[in-house]
Amino acid sequence: MPATAGSATLDIMEQPQPTAPSAHRLLLPALALTVMAALLGAAFSGWLAYGTDIFLTMAENGFSNCF
């Protein structure tokens, strides 16, 4: 159907091109991911350093089977 003067038609074949997200929209998720990775790394490091002591303390108190 041809376009006439004064009327706007949308060509169905023309699809809008996706745009990349802007940098400021990615900043907060990237920051949150970095903080979570740092906390996970710190927890894992603490587990490696003190895991044996935690387990032995639980064993002495009878909670090692729950742990």
PDB file of N, CA and C in Angstrom:
ATOM      1  N   MET A   1       0.857  -1.171   0.000  1.00  0.00           N
ATOM      2  CA  MET A   1       0.000   0.000   0.000  1.00  0.00           C
ATOM      3  C   MET A   1       0.901   1.232   0.000  1.00  0.00           C
ATOM      4  N   PRO A   2       0.814   2.053  -0.979  1.00  0.00           N
ATOM      5  CA  PRO A   2       1.687   3.226  -1.048  1.00  0.00           C
ATOM      6  C   PRO A   2       1.266   4.285  -0.046  1.00  0.00           C
ATOM      7  N   ALA A   3       2.239   5.029   0.395  1.00  0.00           N
ATOM      8  CA  ALA A   3       1.971   6.114   1.336  1.00  0.00           C
ATOM      9  C   ALA A   3       1.400   7.298   0.581  1.00  0.00           C
ATOM     10  N   THR A   4       0.439   7.925   1.189  1.00  0.00           N
ATOM     11  CA  THR A   4      -0.155   9.106   0.584  1.00  0.00           C
ATOM     12  C   THR A   4       0.244  10.324   1.381  1.00  0.00           C
ATOM     13  N   ALA A   5       0.064  11.475   0.810  1.00  0.00           N
ATOM     14  CA  ALA A   5       0.417  12.717   1.491  1.00  0.00           C
ATOM     15  C   ALA A   5      -0.415  12.874   2.749  1.00  0.00           C
ATOM     16  N   GLY A   6       0.237  13.145   3.851  1.00  0.00           N
ATOM     17  CA  GLY A   6      -0.468  13.384   5.098  1.00  0.00           C
ATOM     18  C   GLY A   6      -0.712  12.141   5.918  1.00  0.00           C
ATOM     19  N   SER A   7      -0.373  10.974   5.407  1.00  0.00           N
ATOM     20  CA  SER A   7      -0.567   9.761   6.196  1.00  0.00           C
ATOM     21  C   SER A   7       0.783   9.082   6.386  1.00  0.00           C
ATOM     22  N   ALA A   8       0.982   8.540   7.553  1.00  0.00           N
ATOM     23  CA  ALA A   8       2.230   7.848   7.855  1.00  0.00           C
ATOM     24  C   ALA A   8       1.941   6.362   7.925  1.00  0.00           C
ATOM     25  N   THR A   9       2.659   5.594   7.133  1.00  0.00           N
ATOM     26  CA  THR A   9       2.498   4.145   7.178  1.00  0.00           C
ATOM     27  C   THR A   9       3.800   3.531   7.646  1.00  0.00           C
ATOM     28  N   LEU A  10       3.697   2.410   8.318  1.00  0.00           N
ATOM     29  CA  LEU A  10       4.860   1.703   8.825  1.00  0.00           C
ATOM     30  C   LEU A  10       5.110   0.516   7.923  1.00  0.00           C
ATOM     31  N   ASP A  11       6.268   0.482   7.331  1.00  0.00           N
ATOM     32  CA  ASP A  11       6.634  -0.647   6.503  1.00  0.00           C
ATOM     33  C   ASP A  11       6.935  -1.820   7.421  1.00  0.00           C
ATOM     34  N   ILE A  12       6.238  -2.916   7.248  1.00  0.00           N
ATOM     35  CA  ILE A  12       6.376  -4.070   8.127  1.00  0.00           C
ATOM     36  C   ILE A  12       7.760  -4.688   8.001  1.00  0.00           C
ATOM     37  N   MET A  13       8.386  -4.577   6.862  1.00  0.00           N
ATOM     38  CA  MET A  13       9.696  -5.172   6.648  1.00  0.00           C
ATOM     39  C   MET A  13      10.809  -4.413   7.367  1.00  0.00           C
ATOM     40  N   GLU A  14      10.586  -3.177   7.711  1.00  0.00           N
ATOM     41  CA  GLU A  14      11.607  -2.404   8.414  1.00  0.00           C
ATOM     42  C   GLU A  14      11.502  -2.661   9.914  1.00  0.00           C
ATOM     43  N   GLN A  15      12.516  -3.312  10.452  1.00  0.00           N
ATOM     44  CA  GLN A  15      12.560  -3.585  11.878  1.00  0.00           C
ATOM     45  C   GLN A  15      13.574  -2.637  12.512  1.00  0.00           C
ATOM     46  N   PRO A  16      13.285  -2.117  13.695  1.00  0.00           N
ATOM     47  CA  PRO A  16      14.266  -1.252  14.353  1.00  0.00           C
ATOM     48  C   PRO A  16      15.524  -2.048  14.695  1.00  0.00           C
ATOM     49  N   GLN A  17      16.661  -1.445  14.518  1.00  0.00           N
ATOM     50  CA  GLN A  17      17.931  -2.097  14.808  1.00  0.00           C
ATOM     51  C   GLN A  17      18.179  -2.050  16.313  1.00  0.00           C
ATOM     52  N   PRO A  18      18.597  -3.178  16.896  1.00  0.00           N
ATOM     53  CA  PRO A  18      18.891  -3.166  18.339  1.00  0.00           C
ATOM     54  C   PRO A  18      20.109  -2.296  18.614  1.00  0.00           C
ATOM     55  N   THR A  19      20.044  -1.624  19.722  1.00  0.00           N
ATOM     56  CA  THR A  19      21.162  -0.776  20.114  1.00  0.00           C
ATOM     57  C   THR A  19      21.860  -1.395  21.313  1.00  0.00           C
ATOM     58  N   ALA A  20      23.135  -1.147  21.424  1.00  0.00           N
ATOM     59  CA  ALA A  20      23.905  -1.654  22.550  1.00  0.00           C
ATOM     60  C   ALA A  20      23.540  -0.856  23.802  1.00  0.00           C
ATOM     61  N   PRO A  21      23.503  -1.515  24.962  1.00  0.00           N
ATOM     62  CA  PRO A  21      23.212  -0.784  26.201  1.00  0.00           C
ATOM     63  C   PRO A  21      24.299   0.253  26.470  1.00  0.00           C
ATOM     64  N   SER A  22      23.895   1.350  27.010  1.00  0.00           N
ATOM     65  CA  SER A  22      24.867   2.396  27.303  1.00  0.00           C
ATOM     66  C   SER A  22      25.721   1.992  28.504  1.00  0.00           C
ATOM     67  N   ALA A  23      26.859   2.617  28.620  1.00  0.00           N
ATOM     68  CA  ALA A  23      27.820   2.258  29.664  1.00  0.00           C
ATOM     69  C   ALA A  23      27.260   2.507  31.063  1.00  0.00           C
ATOM     70  N   HIS A  24      26.483   3.563  31.247  1.00  0.00           N
ATOM     71  CA  HIS A  24      25.980   3.847  32.598  1.00  0.00           C
ATOM     72  C   HIS A  24      24.912   2.853  33.029  1.00  0.00           C
ATOM     73  N   ARG A  25      24.267   2.147  32.088  1.00  0.00           N
ATOM     74  CA  ARG A  25      23.302   1.117  32.472  1.00  0.00           C
ATOM     75  C   ARG A  25      24.011  -0.164  32.900  1.00  0.00           C
ATOM     76  N   LEU A  26      25.239  -0.352  32.440  1.00  0.00           N
ATOM     77  CA  LEU A  26      25.996  -1.540  32.799  1.00  0.00           C
ATOM     78  C   LEU A  26      26.865  -1.338  34.031  1.00  0.00           C
ATOM     79  N   LEU A  27      27.008  -0.113  34.481  1.00  0.00           N
ATOM     80  CA  LEU A  27      27.909   0.190  35.594  1.00  0.00           C
ATOM     81  C   LEU A  27      27.437  -0.457  36.894  1.00  0.00           C
ATOM     82  N   LEU A  28      26.180  -0.317  37.236  1.00  0.00           N
ATOM     83  CA  LEU A  28      25.680  -0.862  38.503  1.00  0.00           C
ATOM     84  C   LEU A  28      25.738  -2.391  38.538  1.00  0.00           C
ATOM     85  N   PRO A  29      25.289  -3.110  37.500  1.00  0.00           N
ATOM     86  CA  PRO A  29      25.438  -4.570  37.550  1.00  0.00           C
ATOM     87  C   PRO A  29      26.898  -5.017  37.588  1.00  0.00           C
ATOM     88  N   ALA A  30      27.765  -4.312  36.887  1.00  0.00           N
ATOM     89  CA  ALA A  30      29.185  -4.671  36.911  1.00  0.00           C
ATOM     90  C   ALA A  30      29.771  -4.439  38.298  1.00  0.00           C
ATOM     91  N   LEU A  31      29.381  -3.356  38.931  1.00  0.00           N
ATOM     92  CA  LEU A  31      29.856  -3.072  40.285  1.00  0.00           C
ATOM     93  C   LEU A  31      29.328  -4.111  41.272  1.00  0.00           C
ATOM     94  N   ALA A  32      28.065  -4.476  41.152  1.00  0.00           N
ATOM     95  CA  ALA A  32      27.484  -5.481  42.039  1.00  0.00           C
ATOM     96  C   ALA A  32      28.165  -6.830  41.847  1.00  0.00           C
ATOM     97  N   LEU A  33      28.455  -7.194  40.605  1.00  0.00           N
ATOM     98  CA  LEU A  33      29.137  -8.451  40.334  1.00  0.00           C
ATOM     99  C   LEU A  33      30.549  -8.444  40.914  1.00  0.00           C
ATOM    100  N   THR A  34      31.231  -7.329  40.815  1.00  0.00           N
ATOM    101  CA  THR A  34      32.580  -7.213  41.370  1.00  0.00           C
ATOM    102  C   THR A  34      32.566  -7.345  42.888  1.00  0.00           C
ATOM    103  N   VAL A  35      31.613  -6.703  43.544  1.00  0.00           N
ATOM    104  CA  VAL A  35      31.508  -6.789  45.007  1.00  0.00           C
ATOM    105  C   VAL A  35      31.177  -8.208  45.435  1.00  0.00           C
ATOM    106  N   MET A  36      30.240  -8.862  44.735  1.00  0.00           N
ATOM    107  CA  MET A  36      29.889 -10.237  45.090  1.00  0.00           C
ATOM    108  C   MET A  36      31.068 -11.183  44.878  1.00  0.00           C
ATOM    109  N   ALA A  37      31.832 -10.980  43.812  1.00  0.00           N
ATOM    110  CA  ALA A  37      33.006 -11.823  43.565  1.00  0.00           C
ATOM    111  C   ALA A  37      34.058 -11.619  44.651  1.00  0.00           C
ATOM    112  N   ALA A  38      34.246 -10.375  45.087  1.00  0.00           N
ATOM    113  CA  ALA A  38      35.207 -10.096  46.152  1.00  0.00           C
ATOM    114  C   ALA A  38      34.779 -10.750  47.465  1.00  0.00           C
ATOM    115  N   LEU A  39      33.489 -10.675  47.784  1.00  0.00           N
ATOM    116  CA  LEU A  39      32.993 -11.301  49.013  1.00  0.00           C
ATOM    117  C   LEU A  39      33.112 -12.824  48.946  1.00  0.00           C
ATOM    118  N   LEU A  40      32.812 -13.380  47.795  1.00  0.00           N
ATOM    119  CA  LEU A  40      32.938 -14.829  47.630  1.00  0.00           C
ATOM    120  C   LEU A  40      34.393 -15.253  47.753  1.00  0.00           C
ATOM    121  N   GLY A  41      35.296 -14.478  47.168  1.00  0.00           N
ATOM    122  CA  GLY A  41      36.723 -14.785  47.286  1.00  0.00           C
ATOM    123  C   GLY A  41      37.201 -14.701  48.718  1.00  0.00           C
ATOM    124  N   ALA A  42      36.734 -13.694  49.451  1.00  0.00           N
ATOM    125  CA  ALA A  42      37.124 -13.555  50.856  1.00  0.00           C
ATOM    126  C   ALA A  42      36.578 -14.710  51.697  1.00  0.00           C
ATOM    127  N   ALA A  43      35.350 -15.113  51.433  1.00  0.00           N
ATOM    128  CA  ALA A  43      34.764 -16.233  52.180  1.00  0.00           C
ATOM    129  C   ALA A  43      35.501 -17.536  51.877  1.00  0.00           C
ATOM    130  N   PHE A  44      35.840 -17.751  50.615  1.00  0.00           N
ATOM    131  CA  PHE A  44      36.561 -18.967  50.257  1.00  0.00           C
ATOM    132  C   PHE A  44      37.960 -18.970  50.866  1.00  0.00           C
ATOM    133  N   SER A  45      38.609 -17.820  50.862  1.00  0.00           N
ATOM    134  CA  SER A  45      39.936 -17.709  51.466  1.00  0.00           C
ATOM    135  C   SER A  45      39.867 -17.996  52.967  1.00  0.00           C
ATOM    136  N   GLY A  46      38.847 -17.459  53.620  1.00  0.00           N
ATOM    137  CA  GLY A  46      38.664 -17.729  55.044  1.00  0.00           C
ATOM    138  C   GLY A  46      38.373 -19.191  55.318  1.00  0.00           C
ATOM    139  N   TRP A  47      37.618 -19.814  54.421  1.00  0.00           N
ATOM    140  CA  TRP A  47      37.313 -21.232  54.586  1.00  0.00           C
ATOM    141  C   TRP A  47      38.589 -22.066  54.461  1.00  0.00           C
ATOM    142  N   LEU A  48      39.442 -21.709  53.502  1.00  0.00           N
ATOM    143  CA  LEU A  48      40.707 -22.436  53.351  1.00  0.00           C
ATOM    144  C   LEU A  48      41.610 -22.231  54.563  1.00  0.00           C
ATOM    145  N   ALA A  49      41.599 -21.024  55.110  1.00  0.00           N
ATOM    146  CA  ALA A  49      42.487 -20.725  56.234  1.00  0.00           C
ATOM    147  C   ALA A  49      41.979 -21.306  57.547  1.00  0.00           C
ATOM    148  N   TYR A  50      40.673 -21.276  57.770  1.00  0.00           N
ATOM    149  CA  TYR A  50      40.123 -21.631  59.079  1.00  0.00           C
ATOM    150  C   TYR A  50      39.142 -22.805  59.047  1.00  0.00           C
ATOM    151  N   GLY A  51      39.003 -23.470  57.905  1.00  0.00           N
ATOM    152  CA  GLY A  51      38.029 -24.559  57.772  1.00  0.00           C
ATOM    153  C   GLY A  51      38.283 -25.714  58.712  1.00  0.00           C
ATOM    154  N   THR A  52      39.543 -26.068  58.871  1.00  0.00           N
ATOM    155  CA  THR A  52      39.886 -27.176  59.765  1.00  0.00           C
ATOM    156  C   THR A  52      39.536 -26.838  61.206  1.00  0.00           C
ATOM    157  N   ASP A  53      39.854 -25.629  61.619  1.00  0.00           N
ATOM    158  CA  ASP A  53      39.526 -25.210  62.988  1.00  0.00           C
ATOM    159  C   ASP A  53      38.009 -25.193  63.208  1.00  0.00           C
ATOM    160  N   ILE A  54      37.283 -24.730  62.221  1.00  0.00           N
ATOM    161  CA  ILE A  54      35.817 -24.703  62.339  1.00  0.00           C
ATOM    162  C   ILE A  54      35.282 -26.120  62.477  1.00  0.00           C
ATOM    163  N   PHE A  55      35.780 -27.026  61.639  1.00  0.00           N
ATOM    164  CA  PHE A  55      35.299 -28.407  61.686  1.00  0.00           C
ATOM    165  C   PHE A  55      35.645 -29.076  63.006  1.00  0.00           C
ATOM    166  N   LEU A  56      36.876 -28.873  63.493  1.00  0.00           N
ATOM    167  CA  LEU A  56      37.267 -29.498  64.768  1.00  0.00           C
ATOM    168  C   LEU A  56      36.461 -28.936  65.935  1.00  0.00           C
ATOM    169  N   THR A  57      36.174 -27.656  65.916  1.00  0.00           N
ATOM    170  CA  THR A  57      35.343 -27.065  66.963  1.00  0.00           C
ATOM    171  C   THR A  57      33.939 -27.660  66.920  1.00  0.00           C
ATOM    172  N   MET A  58      33.409 -27.826  65.728  1.00  0.00           N
ATOM    173  CA  MET A  58      32.083 -28.439  65.604  1.00  0.00           C
ATOM    174  C   MET A  58      32.111 -29.900  66.074  1.00  0.00           C
ATOM    175  N   ALA A  59      33.198 -30.592  65.769  1.00  0.00           N
ATOM    176  CA  ALA A  59      33.309 -32.003  66.181  1.00  0.00           C
ATOM    177  C   ALA A  59      33.356 -32.112  67.697  1.00  0.00           C
ATOM    178  N   GLU A  60      34.076 -31.201  68.333  1.00  0.00           N
ATOM    179  CA  GLU A  60      34.155 -31.236  69.794  1.00  0.00           C
ATOM    180  C   GLU A  60      32.795 -30.972  70.433  1.00  0.00           C
ATOM    181  N   ASN A  61      31.986 -30.169  69.782  1.00  0.00           N
ATOM    182  CA  ASN A  61      30.670 -29.847  70.335  1.00  0.00           C
ATOM    183  C   ASN A  61      29.584 -30.785  69.841  1.00  0.00           C
ATOM    184  N   GLY A  62      29.920 -31.717  68.961  1.00  0.00           N
ATOM    185  CA  GLY A  62      28.940 -32.683  68.495  1.00  0.00           C
ATOM    186  C   GLY A  62      28.106 -32.203  67.319  1.00  0.00           C
ATOM    187  N   PHE A  63      28.498 -31.133  66.680  1.00  0.00           N
ATOM    188  CA  PHE A  63      27.723 -30.605  65.559  1.00  0.00           C
ATOM    189  C   PHE A  63      28.330 -30.906  64.195  1.00  0.00           C
ATOM    190  N   SER A  64      29.375 -31.729  64.164  1.00  0.00           N
ATOM    191  CA  SER A  64      30.071 -31.953  62.889  1.00  0.00           C
ATOM    192  C   SER A  64      29.195 -32.685  61.888  1.00  0.00           C
ATOM    193  N   ASN A  65      28.258 -33.518  62.357  1.00  0.00           N
ATOM    194  CA  ASN A  65      27.390 -34.225  61.410  1.00  0.00           C
ATOM    195  C   ASN A  65      26.369 -33.279  60.809  1.00  0.00           C
ATOM    196  N   CYS A  66      26.052 -32.181  61.447  1.00  0.00           N
ATOM    197  CA  CYS A  66      25.138 -31.190  60.886  1.00  0.00           C
ATOM    198  C   CYS A  66      25.860 -30.256  59.931  1.00  0.00           C
ATOM    199  N   PHE A  67      27.151 -30.173  60.088  1.00  0.00           N
ATOM    200  CA  PHE A  67      27.967 -29.258  59.305  1.00  0.00           C
ATOM    201  C   PHE A  67      28.264 -29.898  57.995  1.00  0.00           C
TER     202      PHE A  67
END
